[in-house]
Amino acid sequence: MYCNSSNVVDSVGYSGGIVLSICLVPQIYQIYKTKQVENISYLWQFMYIIGISLHLYYGIYYNLLPIYIPTIIELCLIIVLLIFKIMYTNNN
């Protein structure tokens, strides 16, 4: 069986990106379950969104699938987190 090192490196890139992306899932679940968002900073969220957006631009510009596919997932999850922050802050 022939193993292309580029495919292995891409797999590592995808795996790392997916793991980093899903790191937000436990936080989102905890917020959904408890409805407590006091410890989540708007400043952190906005900085995170800016950083992820810049990272996404870079990945798309250079057509780096292992970068921009997980980054899109991460951007979606941080937006869900921001929506929860807004919703649950206004409800309390």
C-alpha atoms as a PDB file:
ATOM      1  CA  MET A   1       0.000   0.000   0.000  1.00  0.00           C
ATOM      2  CA  TYR A   2       1.378   3.374  -1.046  1.00  0.00           C
ATOM      3  CA  CYS A   3       1.152   6.157   1.536  1.00  0.00           C
ATOM      4  CA  ASN A   4       1.303   9.665   0.168  1.00  0.00           C
ATOM      5  CA  SER A   5       2.882  11.886   2.835  1.00  0.00           C
ATOM      6  CA  SER A   6       0.814  14.835   1.614  1.00  0.00           C
ATOM      7  CA  ASN A   7      -2.370  12.907   2.412  1.00  0.00           C
ATOM      8  CA  VAL A   8      -1.054  12.058   5.866  1.00  0.00           C
ATOM      9  CA  VAL A   9      -0.191  15.698   6.543  1.00  0.00           C
ATOM     10  CA  ASP A  10      -3.613  16.798   5.272  1.00  0.00           C
ATOM     11  CA  SER A  11      -5.262  14.240   7.552  1.00  0.00           C
ATOM     12  CA  VAL A  12      -3.320  15.577  10.511  1.00  0.00           C
ATOM     13  CA  GLY A  13      -4.358  19.117   9.556  1.00  0.00           C
ATOM     14  CA  TYR A  14      -8.032  18.159   9.260  1.00  0.00           C
ATOM     15  CA  SER A  15      -7.902  16.228  12.540  1.00  0.00           C
ATOM     16  CA  GLY A  16      -6.313  19.088  14.428  1.00  0.00           C
ATOM     17  CA  GLY A  17      -8.751  21.584  12.962  1.00  0.00           C
ATOM     18  CA  ILE A  18     -11.763  19.458  13.792  1.00  0.00           C
ATOM     19  CA  VAL A  19     -10.568  18.884  17.377  1.00  0.00           C
ATOM     20  CA  LEU A  20     -10.055  22.626  17.849  1.00  0.00           C
ATOM     21  CA  SER A  21     -13.429  23.365  16.299  1.00  0.00           C
ATOM     22  CA  ILE A  22     -15.353  20.967  18.499  1.00  0.00           C
ATOM     23  CA  CYS A  23     -13.688  22.355  21.627  1.00  0.00           C
ATOM     24  CA  LEU A  24     -16.495  24.923  21.662  1.00  0.00           C
ATOM     25  CA  VAL A  25     -19.218  22.248  21.761  1.00  0.00           C
ATOM     26  CA  PRO A  26     -18.954  21.464  25.518  1.00  0.00           C
ATOM     27  CA  GLN A  27     -19.114  25.184  26.308  1.00  0.00           C
ATOM     28  CA  ILE A  28     -22.161  25.659  24.088  1.00  0.00           C
ATOM     29  CA  TYR A  29     -23.844  22.622  25.672  1.00  0.00           C
ATOM     30  CA  GLN A  30     -23.105  23.885  29.192  1.00  0.00           C
ATOM     31  CA  ILE A  31     -24.558  27.303  28.389  1.00  0.00           C
ATOM     32  CA  TYR A  32     -27.625  25.749  26.776  1.00  0.00           C
ATOM     33  CA  LYS A  33     -28.140  23.518  29.811  1.00  0.00           C
ATOM     34  CA  THR A  34     -27.550  26.126  32.535  1.00  0.00           C
ATOM     35  CA  LYS A  35     -28.510  29.336  30.707  1.00  0.00           C
ATOM     36  CA  GLN A  36     -25.609  31.013  32.546  1.00  0.00           C
ATOM     37  CA  VAL A  37     -23.412  33.266  30.416  1.00  0.00           C
ATOM     38  CA  GLU A  38     -22.014  35.756  32.933  1.00  0.00           C
ATOM     39  CA  ASN A  39     -18.486  34.357  32.661  1.00  0.00           C
ATOM     40  CA  ILE A  40     -18.363  34.654  28.866  1.00  0.00           C
ATOM     41  CA  SER A  41     -16.852  37.951  27.796  1.00  0.00           C
ATOM     42  CA  TYR A  42     -18.185  39.846  24.774  1.00  0.00           C
ATOM     43  CA  LEU A  43     -14.666  41.175  24.173  1.00  0.00           C
ATOM     44  CA  TRP A  44     -13.269  37.626  24.036  1.00  0.00           C
ATOM     45  CA  GLN A  45     -16.026  36.564  21.643  1.00  0.00           C
ATOM     46  CA  PHE A  46     -15.502  39.507  19.285  1.00  0.00           C
ATOM     47  CA  MET A  47     -11.725  39.034  19.299  1.00  0.00           C
ATOM     48  CA  TYR A  48     -12.225  35.312  18.651  1.00  0.00           C
ATOM     49  CA  ILE A  49     -14.564  36.044  15.729  1.00  0.00           C
ATOM     50  CA  ILE A  50     -12.103  38.527  14.246  1.00  0.00           C
ATOM     51  CA  GLY A  51      -9.213  36.067  14.609  1.00  0.00           C
ATOM     52  CA  ILE A  52     -11.197  33.186  13.123  1.00  0.00           C
ATOM     53  CA  SER A  53     -12.381  35.389  10.247  1.00  0.00           C
ATOM     54  CA  LEU A  54      -8.808  36.423   9.434  1.00  0.00           C
ATOM     55  CA  HIS A  55      -7.696  32.800   9.657  1.00  0.00           C
ATOM     56  CA  LEU A  56     -10.551  31.820   7.345  1.00  0.00           C
ATOM     57  CA  TYR A  57      -9.550  34.476   4.815  1.00  0.00           C
ATOM     58  CA  TYR A  58      -5.974  33.173   4.866  1.00  0.00           C
ATOM     59  CA  GLY A  59      -7.085  29.573   4.385  1.00  0.00           C
ATOM     60  CA  ILE A  60      -9.408  30.436   1.517  1.00  0.00           C
ATOM     61  CA  TYR A  61      -6.866  32.731  -0.160  1.00  0.00           C
ATOM     62  CA  TYR A  62      -4.255  29.973  -0.260  1.00  0.00           C
ATOM     63  CA  ASN A  63      -6.891  27.246  -0.809  1.00  0.00           C
ATOM     64  CA  LEU A  64      -5.842  25.365   2.322  1.00  0.00           C
ATOM     65  CA  LEU A  65      -8.750  22.975   2.868  1.00  0.00           C
ATOM     66  CA  PRO A  66      -7.389  21.619   6.178  1.00  0.00           C
ATOM     67  CA  ILE A  67      -7.404  25.202   7.441  1.00  0.00           C
ATOM     68  CA  TYR A  68     -10.595  26.715   6.142  1.00  0.00           C
ATOM     69  CA  ILE A  69     -13.032  23.818   6.454  1.00  0.00           C
ATOM     70  CA  PRO A  70     -12.541  23.443  10.246  1.00  0.00           C
ATOM     71  CA  THR A  71     -12.361  27.231  10.561  1.00  0.00           C
ATOM     72  CA  ILE A  72     -15.834  27.544   9.018  1.00  0.00           C
ATOM     73  CA  ILE A  73     -17.127  25.066  11.607  1.00  0.00           C
ATOM     74  CA  GLU A  74     -15.427  27.000  14.386  1.00  0.00           C
ATOM     75  CA  LEU A  75     -16.835  30.306  13.142  1.00  0.00           C
ATOM     76  CA  CYS A  76     -20.347  28.850  13.124  1.00  0.00           C
ATOM     77  CA  LEU A  77     -19.921  27.546  16.672  1.00  0.00           C
ATOM     78  CA  ILE A  78     -18.596  30.833  18.043  1.00  0.00           C
ATOM     79  CA  ILE A  79     -21.543  32.631  16.438  1.00  0.00           C
ATOM     80  CA  VAL A  80     -23.891  30.177  18.203  1.00  0.00           C
ATOM     81  CA  LEU A  81     -22.075  30.970  21.442  1.00  0.00           C
ATOM     82  CA  LEU A  82     -22.502  34.710  20.813  1.00  0.00           C
ATOM     83  CA  ILE A  83     -26.216  34.242  20.097  1.00  0.00           C
ATOM     84  CA  PHE A  84     -26.604  32.310  23.361  1.00  0.00           C
ATOM     85  CA  LYS A  85     -24.737  35.058  25.209  1.00  0.00           C
ATOM     86  CA  ILE A  86     -27.074  37.698  23.810  1.00  0.00           C
ATOM     87  CA  MET A  87     -30.219  35.611  24.375  1.00  0.00           C
ATOM     88  CA  TYR A  88     -29.459  34.522  27.913  1.00  0.00           C
ATOM     89  CA  THR A  89     -28.068  37.897  29.015  1.00  0.00           C
ATOM     90  CA  ASN A  90     -31.289  39.598  27.933  1.00  0.00           C
ATOM     91  CA  ASN A  91     -33.432  36.948  29.659  1.00  0.00           C
ATOM     92  CA  ASN A  92     -31.748  37.422  33.041  1.00  0.00           C
END
